Amino acid sequence: DAYTDWCGPCKLLKSSTFADHQVSTFFNSHFVNV
C-alpha cells in the first residue's frame, strides 16, 4: 500500500476496503503486506 498522509482515497482504503473481512482474510493468508 503506497500511500501519503494527505491522500483522501488512501484513508478511505484503510477505513473500508482493507477492513473488509474477505479482503483481510485473503491478503493476510496469501501475501506479506507492507
PDB file of all heavy atoms in Angstrom:
ATOM      1  N   ASP A   1       0.880  -1.160   0.000  1.00  0.00           N
ATOM      2  CA  ASP A   1       0.000   0.000   0.000  1.00  0.00           C
ATOM      3  C   ASP A   1       0.922   1.215   0.000  1.00  0.00           C
ATOM      4  O   ASP A   1       1.514   1.556   1.023  1.00  0.00           O
ATOM      5  CB  ASP A   1      -0.898  -0.013   1.242  1.00  0.00           C
ATOM      6  CG  ASP A   1      -1.686   1.276   1.415  1.00  0.00           C
ATOM      7  OD1 ASP A   1      -1.950   1.969   0.401  1.00  0.00           O
ATOM      8  OD2 ASP A   1      -2.038   1.605   2.568  1.00  0.00           O
ATOM      9  N   ALA A   2       1.084   1.850  -1.161  1.00  0.00           N
ATOM     10  CA  ALA A   2       1.913   3.050  -1.298  1.00  0.00           C
ATOM     11  C   ALA A   2       0.982   4.251  -1.129  1.00  0.00           C
ATOM     12  O   ALA A   2       0.150   4.524  -1.992  1.00  0.00           O
ATOM     13  CB  ALA A   2       2.611   3.064  -2.652  1.00  0.00           C
ATOM     14  N   TYR A   3       1.117   4.953  -0.009  1.00  0.00           N
ATOM     15  CA  TYR A   3       0.163   5.996   0.351  1.00  0.00           C
ATOM     16  C   TYR A   3       0.880   7.275   0.784  1.00  0.00           C
ATOM     17  O   TYR A   3       2.107   7.310   0.907  1.00  0.00           O
ATOM     18  CB  TYR A   3      -0.739   5.503   1.488  1.00  0.00           C
ATOM     19  CG  TYR A   3      -0.015   5.406   2.817  1.00  0.00           C
ATOM     20  CD1 TYR A   3      -0.048   6.466   3.721  1.00  0.00           C
ATOM     21  CD2 TYR A   3       0.727   4.280   3.159  1.00  0.00           C
ATOM     22  CE1 TYR A   3       0.637   6.388   4.933  1.00  0.00           C
ATOM     23  CE2 TYR A   3       1.404   4.197   4.356  1.00  0.00           C
ATOM     24  CZ  TYR A   3       1.352   5.261   5.242  1.00  0.00           C
ATOM     25  OH  TYR A   3       2.040   5.182   6.425  1.00  0.00           O
ATOM     26  N   THR A   4       0.086   8.310   1.013  1.00  0.00           N
ATOM     27  CA  THR A   4       0.564   9.533   1.657  1.00  0.00           C
ATOM     28  C   THR A   4      -0.427   9.896   2.754  1.00  0.00           C
ATOM     29  O   THR A   4      -1.586   9.464   2.723  1.00  0.00           O
ATOM     30  CB  THR A   4       0.665  10.718   0.678  1.00  0.00           C
ATOM     31  OG1 THR A   4      -0.647  11.039   0.210  1.00  0.00           O
ATOM     32  CG2 THR A   4       1.573  10.397  -0.496  1.00  0.00           C
ATOM     33  N   ASP A   5       0.016  10.706   3.703  1.00  0.00           N
ATOM     34  CA  ASP A   5      -0.860  11.118   4.810  1.00  0.00           C
ATOM     35  C   ASP A   5      -2.025  11.997   4.361  1.00  0.00           C
ATOM     36  O   ASP A   5      -3.086  11.974   4.961  1.00  0.00           O
ATOM     37  CB  ASP A   5      -0.060  11.875   5.874  1.00  0.00           C
ATOM     38  CG  ASP A   5       0.803  10.962   6.715  1.00  0.00           C
ATOM     39  OD1 ASP A   5       0.524   9.753   6.774  1.00  0.00           O
ATOM     40  OD2 ASP A   5       1.765  11.465   7.326  1.00  0.00           O
ATOM     41  N   TRP A   6      -1.837  12.781   3.314  1.00  0.00           N
ATOM     42  CA  TRP A   6      -2.853  13.738   2.884  1.00  0.00           C
ATOM     43  C   TRP A   6      -3.874  13.165   1.902  1.00  0.00           C
ATOM     44  O   TRP A   6      -4.847  13.816   1.549  1.00  0.00           O
ATOM     45  CB  TRP A   6      -2.180  14.960   2.243  1.00  0.00           C
ATOM     46  CG  TRP A   6      -1.195  14.609   1.165  1.00  0.00           C
ATOM     47  CD1 TRP A   6       0.154  14.495   1.296  1.00  0.00           C
ATOM     48  CD2 TRP A   6      -1.485  14.292  -0.203  1.00  0.00           C
ATOM     49  NE1 TRP A   6       0.740  14.134   0.103  1.00  0.00           N
ATOM     50  CE2 TRP A   6      -0.246  13.999  -0.840  1.00  0.00           C
ATOM     51  CE3 TRP A   6      -2.645  14.217  -0.960  1.00  0.00           C
ATOM     52  CZ2 TRP A   6      -0.155  13.656  -2.186  1.00  0.00           C
ATOM     53  CZ3 TRP A   6      -2.544  13.870  -2.299  1.00  0.00           C
ATOM     54  CH2 TRP A   6      -1.309  13.600  -2.895  1.00  0.00           C
ATOM     55  N   CYS A   7      -3.686  11.935   1.462  1.00  0.00           N
ATOM     56  CA  CYS A   7      -4.492  11.320   0.399  1.00  0.00           C
ATOM     57  C   CYS A   7      -5.830  10.811   0.932  1.00  0.00           C
ATOM     58  O   CYS A   7      -5.873   9.853   1.705  1.00  0.00           O
ATOM     59  CB  CYS A   7      -3.674  10.188  -0.223  1.00  0.00           C
ATOM     60  SG  CYS A   7      -4.584   9.102  -1.322  1.00  0.00           S
ATOM     61  N   GLY A   8      -6.920  11.435   0.494  1.00  0.00           N
ATOM     62  CA  GLY A   8      -8.259  11.023   0.911  1.00  0.00           C
ATOM     63  C   GLY A   8      -8.611   9.592   0.510  1.00  0.00           C
ATOM     64  O   GLY A   8      -9.080   8.810   1.339  1.00  0.00           O
ATOM     65  N   PRO A   9      -8.402   9.209  -0.764  1.00  0.00           N
ATOM     66  CA  PRO A   9      -8.694   7.830  -1.155  1.00  0.00           C
ATOM     67  C   PRO A   9      -7.842   6.805  -0.396  1.00  0.00           C
ATOM     68  O   PRO A   9      -8.297   5.687  -0.144  1.00  0.00           O
ATOM     69  CB  PRO A   9      -8.389   7.808  -2.657  1.00  0.00           C
ATOM     70  CG  PRO A   9      -8.608   9.218  -3.095  1.00  0.00           C
ATOM     71  CD  PRO A   9      -8.118  10.056  -1.937  1.00  0.00           C
ATOM     72  N   CYS A  10      -6.620   7.183  -0.012  1.00  0.00           N
ATOM     73  CA  CYS A  10      -5.770   6.289   0.789  1.00  0.00           C
ATOM     74  C   CYS A  10      -6.425   6.022   2.140  1.00  0.00           C
ATOM     75  O   CYS A  10      -6.452   4.885   2.615  1.00  0.00           O
ATOM     76  CB  CYS A  10      -4.385   6.904   1.018  1.00  0.00           C
ATOM     77  SG  CYS A  10      -3.430   7.237  -0.481  1.00  0.00           S
ATOM     78  N   LYS A  11      -6.943   7.074   2.759  1.00  0.00           N
ATOM     79  CA  LYS A  11      -7.612   6.940   4.061  1.00  0.00           C
ATOM     80  C   LYS A  11      -8.872   6.099   3.931  1.00  0.00           C
ATOM     81  O   LYS A  11      -9.179   5.283   4.803  1.00  0.00           O
ATOM     82  CB  LYS A  11      -7.937   8.317   4.630  1.00  0.00           C
ATOM     83  CG  LYS A  11      -6.706   9.115   4.997  1.00  0.00           C
ATOM     84  CD  LYS A  11      -7.067  10.520   5.446  1.00  0.00           C
ATOM     85  CE  LYS A  11      -5.799  11.321   5.711  1.00  0.00           C
ATOM     86  NZ  LYS A  11      -6.085  12.696   6.086  1.00  0.00           N
ATOM     87  N   LEU A  12      -9.600   6.289   2.837  1.00  0.00           N
ATOM     88  CA  LEU A  12     -10.817   5.510   2.604  1.00  0.00           C
ATOM     89  C   LEU A  12     -10.494   4.030   2.404  1.00  0.00           C
ATOM     90  O   LEU A  12     -11.214   3.164   2.916  1.00  0.00           O
ATOM     91  CB  LEU A  12     -11.572   6.070   1.400  1.00  0.00           C
ATOM     92  CG  LEU A  12     -12.958   5.495   1.128  1.00  0.00           C
ATOM     93  CD1 LEU A  12     -13.881   5.670   2.332  1.00  0.00           C
ATOM     94  CD2 LEU A  12     -13.554   6.145  -0.105  1.00  0.00           C
ATOM     95  N   LEU A  13      -9.409   3.736   1.684  1.00  0.00           N
ATOM     96  CA  LEU A  13      -8.981   2.332   1.532  1.00  0.00           C
ATOM     97  C   LEU A  13      -8.760   1.698   2.899  1.00  0.00           C
ATOM     98  O   LEU A  13      -9.209   0.576   3.155  1.00  0.00           O
ATOM     99  CB  LEU A  13      -7.668   2.259   0.747  1.00  0.00           C
ATOM    100  CG  LEU A  13      -7.715   2.031  -0.739  1.00  0.00           C
ATOM    101  CD1 LEU A  13      -6.305   2.087  -1.317  1.00  0.00           C
ATOM    102  CD2 LEU A  13      -8.382   0.733  -1.101  1.00  0.00           C
ATOM    103  N   LYS A  14      -8.041   2.403   3.771  1.00  0.00           N
ATOM    104  CA  LYS A  14      -7.718   1.870   5.096  1.00  0.00           C
ATOM    105  C   LYS A  14      -8.968   1.649   5.940  1.00  0.00           C
ATOM    106  O   LYS A  14      -9.085   0.635   6.625  1.00  0.00           O
ATOM    107  CB  LYS A  14      -6.746   2.797   5.824  1.00  0.00           C
ATOM    108  CG  LYS A  14      -5.368   2.713   5.262  1.00  0.00           C
ATOM    109  CD  LYS A  14      -4.413   3.639   5.962  1.00  0.00           C
ATOM    110  CE  LYS A  14      -3.066   3.486   5.307  1.00  0.00           C
ATOM    111  NZ  LYS A  14      -2.210   4.588   5.370  1.00  0.00           N
ATOM    112  N   SER A  15      -9.894   2.603   5.893  1.00  0.00           N
ATOM    113  CA  SER A  15     -11.065   2.507   6.765  1.00  0.00           C
ATOM    114  C   SER A  15     -12.147   1.572   6.237  1.00  0.00           C
ATOM    115  O   SER A  15     -12.947   1.059   7.007  1.00  0.00           O
ATOM    116  CB  SER A  15     -11.658   3.892   7.007  1.00  0.00           C
ATOM    117  OG  SER A  15     -12.195   4.420   5.808  1.00  0.00           O
ATOM    118  N   SER A  16     -12.168   1.328   4.923  1.00  0.00           N
ATOM    119  CA  SER A  16     -13.237   0.494   4.378  1.00  0.00           C
ATOM    120  C   SER A  16     -12.709  -0.780   3.706  1.00  0.00           C
ATOM    121  O   SER A  16     -12.906  -1.876   4.220  1.00  0.00           O
ATOM    122  CB  SER A  16     -14.103   1.301   3.406  1.00  0.00           C
ATOM    123  OG  SER A  16     -13.343   1.716   2.275  1.00  0.00           O
ATOM    124  N   THR A  17     -12.035  -0.649   2.600  1.00  0.00           N
ATOM    125  CA  THR A  17     -11.625  -1.818   1.813  1.00  0.00           C
ATOM    126  C   THR A  17     -10.690  -2.730   2.587  1.00  0.00           C
ATOM    127  O   THR A  17     -10.892  -3.943   2.639  1.00  0.00           O
ATOM    128  CB  THR A  17     -10.980  -1.380   0.485  1.00  0.00           C
ATOM    129  OG1 THR A  17     -11.915  -0.563  -0.231  1.00  0.00           O
ATOM    130  CG2 THR A  17     -10.613  -2.582  -0.359  1.00  0.00           C
ATOM    131  N   PHE A  18      -9.645  -2.173   3.199  1.00  0.00           N
ATOM    132  CA  PHE A  18      -8.684  -3.002   3.933  1.00  0.00           C
ATOM    133  C   PHE A  18      -9.300  -3.637   5.176  1.00  0.00           C
ATOM    134  O   PHE A  18      -8.799  -4.628   5.678  1.00  0.00           O
ATOM    135  CB  PHE A  18      -7.447  -2.203   4.342  1.00  0.00           C
ATOM    136  CG  PHE A  18      -6.585  -1.730   3.200  1.00  0.00           C
ATOM    137  CD1 PHE A  18      -5.631  -0.762   3.410  1.00  0.00           C
ATOM    138  CD2 PHE A  18      -6.715  -2.246   1.918  1.00  0.00           C
ATOM    139  CE1 PHE A  18      -4.818  -0.318   2.381  1.00  0.00           C
ATOM    140  CE2 PHE A  18      -5.910  -1.802   0.875  1.00  0.00           C
ATOM    141  CZ  PHE A  18      -4.958  -0.829   1.110  1.00  0.00           C
ATOM    142  N   ALA A  19     -10.390  -3.068   5.670  1.00  0.00           N
ATOM    143  CA  ALA A  19     -11.066  -3.597   6.857  1.00  0.00           C
ATOM    144  C   ALA A  19     -12.081  -4.686   6.515  1.00  0.00           C
ATOM    145  O   ALA A  19     -12.563  -5.380   7.405  1.00  0.00           O
ATOM    146  CB  ALA A  19     -11.767  -2.464   7.611  1.00  0.00           C
ATOM    147  N   ASP A  20     -12.404  -4.851   5.240  1.00  0.00           N
ATOM    148  CA  ASP A  20     -13.366  -5.857   4.806  1.00  0.00           C
ATOM    149  C   ASP A  20     -12.874  -7.260   5.184  1.00  0.00           C
ATOM    150  O   ASP A  20     -11.703  -7.598   4.968  1.00  0.00           O
ATOM    151  CB  ASP A  20     -13.560  -5.759   3.289  1.00  0.00           C
ATOM    152  CG  ASP A  20     -14.551  -6.768   2.771  1.00  0.00           C
ATOM    153  OD1 ASP A  20     -15.754  -6.484   2.791  1.00  0.00           O
ATOM    154  OD2 ASP A  20     -14.097  -7.867   2.352  1.00  0.00           O
ATOM    155  N   HIS A  21     -13.775  -8.072   5.726  1.00  0.00           N
ATOM    156  CA  HIS A  21     -13.404  -9.408   6.211  1.00  0.00           C
ATOM    157  C   HIS A  21     -12.827 -10.298   5.109  1.00  0.00           C
ATOM    158  O   HIS A  21     -11.787 -10.926   5.290  1.00  0.00           O
ATOM    159  CB  HIS A  21     -14.598 -10.081   6.877  1.00  0.00           C
ATOM    160  CG  HIS A  21     -14.316 -11.486   7.308  1.00  0.00           C
ATOM    161  ND1 HIS A  21     -13.409 -11.782   8.294  1.00  0.00           N
ATOM    162  CD2 HIS A  21     -14.801 -12.672   6.863  1.00  0.00           C
ATOM    163  CE1 HIS A  21     -13.346 -13.096   8.441  1.00  0.00           C
ATOM    164  NE2 HIS A  21     -14.178 -13.662   7.582  1.00  0.00           N
ATOM    165  N   GLN A  22     -13.487 -10.380   3.954  1.00  0.00           N
ATOM    166  CA  GLN A  22     -12.989 -11.230   2.867  1.00  0.00           C
ATOM    167  C   GLN A  22     -11.633 -10.745   2.370  1.00  0.00           C
ATOM    168  O   GLN A  22     -10.734 -11.540   2.098  1.00  0.00           O
ATOM    169  CB  GLN A  22     -13.983 -11.279   1.713  1.00  0.00           C
ATOM    170  CG  GLN A  22     -15.215 -12.099   2.016  1.00  0.00           C
ATOM    171  CD  GLN A  22     -16.141 -12.174   0.809  1.00  0.00           C
ATOM    172  OE1 GLN A  22     -16.302 -11.209   0.072  1.00  0.00           O
ATOM    173  NE2 GLN A  22     -16.759 -13.332   0.625  1.00  0.00           N
ATOM    174  N   VAL A  23     -11.491  -9.429   2.244  1.00  0.00           N
ATOM    175  CA  VAL A  23     -10.231  -8.842   1.784  1.00  0.00           C
ATOM    176  C   VAL A  23      -9.109  -9.152   2.767  1.00  0.00           C
ATOM    177  O   VAL A  23      -8.037  -9.623   2.386  1.00  0.00           O
ATOM    178  CB  VAL A  23     -10.372  -7.314   1.584  1.00  0.00           C
ATOM    179  CG1 VAL A  23      -9.014  -6.651   1.398  1.00  0.00           C
ATOM    180  CG2 VAL A  23     -11.289  -7.013   0.407  1.00  0.00           C
ATOM    181  N   SER A  24      -9.352  -8.896   4.052  1.00  0.00           N
ATOM    182  CA  SER A  24      -8.290  -9.109   5.041  1.00  0.00           C
ATOM    183  C   SER A  24      -7.911 -10.584   5.152  1.00  0.00           C
ATOM    184  O   SER A  24      -6.725 -10.918   5.227  1.00  0.00           O
ATOM    185  CB  SER A  24      -8.688  -8.546   6.411  1.00  0.00           C
ATOM    186  OG  SER A  24      -9.823  -9.189   6.922  1.00  0.00           O
ATOM    187  N   THR A  25      -8.885 -11.458   5.104  1.00  0.00           N
ATOM    188  CA  THR A  25      -8.595 -12.893   5.165  1.00  0.00           C
ATOM    189  C   THR A  25      -7.732 -13.311   3.973  1.00  0.00           C
ATOM    190  O   THR A  25      -6.734 -14.010   4.131  1.00  0.00           O
ATOM    191  CB  THR A  25      -9.895 -13.712   5.208  1.00  0.00           C
ATOM    192  OG1 THR A  25     -10.622 -13.337   6.382  1.00  0.00           O
ATOM    193  CG2 THR A  25      -9.611 -15.206   5.240  1.00  0.00           C
ATOM    194  N   PHE A  26      -8.099 -12.866   2.786  1.00  0.00           N
ATOM    195  CA  PHE A  26      -7.360 -13.213   1.572  1.00  0.00           C
ATOM    196  C   PHE A  26      -5.928 -12.663   1.603  1.00  0.00           C
ATOM    197  O   PHE A  26      -4.958 -13.392   1.399  1.00  0.00           O
ATOM    198  CB  PHE A  26      -8.095 -12.686   0.331  1.00  0.00           C
ATOM    199  CG  PHE A  26      -7.400 -12.977  -0.955  1.00  0.00           C
ATOM    200  CD1 PHE A  26      -7.523 -14.220  -1.565  1.00  0.00           C
ATOM    201  CD2 PHE A  26      -6.618 -12.014  -1.573  1.00  0.00           C
ATOM    202  CE1 PHE A  26      -6.870 -14.493  -2.762  1.00  0.00           C
ATOM    203  CE2 PHE A  26      -5.964 -12.283  -2.762  1.00  0.00           C
ATOM    204  CZ  PHE A  26      -6.090 -13.524  -3.365  1.00  0.00           C
ATOM    205  N   PHE A  27      -5.789 -11.371   1.880  1.00  0.00           N
ATOM    206  CA  PHE A  27      -4.462 -10.757   1.841  1.00  0.00           C
ATOM    207  C   PHE A  27      -3.573 -11.224   2.990  1.00  0.00           C
ATOM    208  O   PHE A  27      -2.372 -11.417   2.799  1.00  0.00           O
ATOM    209  CB  PHE A  27      -4.560  -9.232   1.774  1.00  0.00           C
ATOM    210  CG  PHE A  27      -4.803  -8.745   0.372  1.00  0.00           C
ATOM    211  CD1 PHE A  27      -6.091  -8.704  -0.154  1.00  0.00           C
ATOM    212  CD2 PHE A  27      -3.748  -8.375  -0.446  1.00  0.00           C
ATOM    213  CE1 PHE A  27      -6.315  -8.304  -1.456  1.00  0.00           C
ATOM    214  CE2 PHE A  27      -3.966  -7.966  -1.756  1.00  0.00           C
ATOM    215  CZ  PHE A  27      -5.251  -7.935  -2.262  1.00  0.00           C
ATOM    216  N   ASN A  28      -4.140 -11.430   4.163  1.00  0.00           N
ATOM    217  CA  ASN A  28      -3.324 -11.909   5.286  1.00  0.00           C
ATOM    218  C   ASN A  28      -2.832 -13.334   5.078  1.00  0.00           C
ATOM    219  O   ASN A  28      -1.782 -13.708   5.589  1.00  0.00           O
ATOM    220  CB  ASN A  28      -4.097 -11.798   6.604  1.00  0.00           C
ATOM    221  CG  ASN A  28      -4.281 -10.363   7.034  1.00  0.00           C
ATOM    222  OD1 ASN A  28      -3.516  -9.482   6.672  1.00  0.00           O
ATOM    223  ND2 ASN A  28      -5.319 -10.123   7.817  1.00  0.00           N
ATOM    224  N   SER A  29      -3.557 -14.132   4.296  1.00  0.00           N
ATOM    225  CA  SER A  29      -3.123 -15.511   4.088  1.00  0.00           C
ATOM    226  C   SER A  29      -2.249 -15.692   2.847  1.00  0.00           C
ATOM    227  O   SER A  29      -1.440 -16.607   2.800  1.00  0.00           O
ATOM    228  CB  SER A  29      -4.323 -16.456   4.035  1.00  0.00           C
ATOM    229  OG  SER A  29      -5.144 -16.154   2.932  1.00  0.00           O
ATOM    230  N   HIS A  30      -2.373 -14.816   1.848  1.00  0.00           N
ATOM    231  CA  HIS A  30      -1.647 -15.004   0.591  1.00  0.00           C
ATOM    232  C   HIS A  30      -0.453 -14.078   0.380  1.00  0.00           C
ATOM    233  O   HIS A  30       0.356 -14.319  -0.517  1.00  0.00           O
ATOM    234  CB  HIS A  30      -2.600 -14.834  -0.601  1.00  0.00           C
ATOM    235  CG  HIS A  30      -3.577 -15.943  -0.727  1.00  0.00           C
ATOM    236  ND1 HIS A  30      -4.834 -15.897  -0.161  1.00  0.00           N
ATOM    237  CD2 HIS A  30      -3.483 -17.149  -1.332  1.00  0.00           C
ATOM    238  CE1 HIS A  30      -5.470 -17.017  -0.428  1.00  0.00           C
ATOM    239  NE2 HIS A  30      -4.669 -17.801  -1.134  1.00  0.00           N
ATOM    240  N   PHE A  31      -0.346 -13.014   1.154  1.00  0.00           N
ATOM    241  CA  PHE A  31       0.698 -12.012   0.933  1.00  0.00           C
ATOM    242  C   PHE A  31       1.383 -11.626   2.237  1.00  0.00           C
ATOM    243  O   PHE A  31       0.819 -11.770   3.323  1.00  0.00           O
ATOM    244  CB  PHE A  31       0.101 -10.715   0.353  1.00  0.00           C
ATOM    245  CG  PHE A  31      -0.460 -10.856  -1.024  1.00  0.00           C
ATOM    246  CD1 PHE A  31      -1.813 -11.129  -1.213  1.00  0.00           C
ATOM    247  CD2 PHE A  31       0.335 -10.697  -2.139  1.00  0.00           C
ATOM    248  CE1 PHE A  31      -2.349 -11.250  -2.482  1.00  0.00           C
ATOM    249  CE2 PHE A  31      -0.190 -10.820  -3.418  1.00  0.00           C
ATOM    250  CZ  PHE A  31      -1.532 -11.101  -3.592  1.00  0.00           C
ATOM    251  N   VAL A  32       2.574 -11.081   2.096  1.00  0.00           N
ATOM    252  CA  VAL A  32       3.194 -10.294   3.158  1.00  0.00           C
ATOM    253  C   VAL A  32       2.790  -8.862   2.816  1.00  0.00           C
ATOM    254  O   VAL A  32       3.028  -8.400   1.695  1.00  0.00           O
ATOM    255  CB  VAL A  32       4.730 -10.456   3.159  1.00  0.00           C
ATOM    256  CG1 VAL A  32       5.359  -9.512   4.161  1.00  0.00           C
ATOM    257  CG2 VAL A  32       5.109 -11.899   3.448  1.00  0.00           C
ATOM    258  N   ASN A  33       2.157  -8.169   3.725  1.00  0.00           N
ATOM    259  CA  ASN A  33       1.585  -6.852   3.457  1.00  0.00           C
ATOM    260  C   ASN A  33       2.449  -5.765   4.083  1.00  0.00           C
ATOM    261  O   ASN A  33       2.814  -5.852   5.250  1.00  0.00           O
ATOM    262  CB  ASN A  33       0.170  -6.780   4.042  1.00  0.00           C
ATOM    263  CG  ASN A  33      -0.700  -7.909   3.533  1.00  0.00           C
ATOM    264  OD1 ASN A  33      -0.966  -8.005   2.340  1.00  0.00           O
ATOM    265  ND2 ASN A  33      -1.123  -8.787   4.421  1.00  0.00           N
ATOM    266  N   VAL A  34       2.728  -4.736   3.305  1.00  0.00           N
ATOM    267  CA  VAL A  34       3.527  -3.624   3.804  1.00  0.00           C
ATOM    268  C   VAL A  34       2.884  -2.313   3.348  1.00  0.00           C
ATOM    269  O   VAL A  34       2.459  -2.193   2.203  1.00  0.00           O
ATOM    270  CB  VAL A  34       5.015  -3.720   3.366  1.00  0.00           C
ATOM    271  CG1 VAL A  34       5.174  -3.661   1.875  1.00  0.00           C
ATOM    272  CG2 VAL A  34       5.867  -2.664   4.032  1.00  0.00           C
TER     273      VAL A  34
END
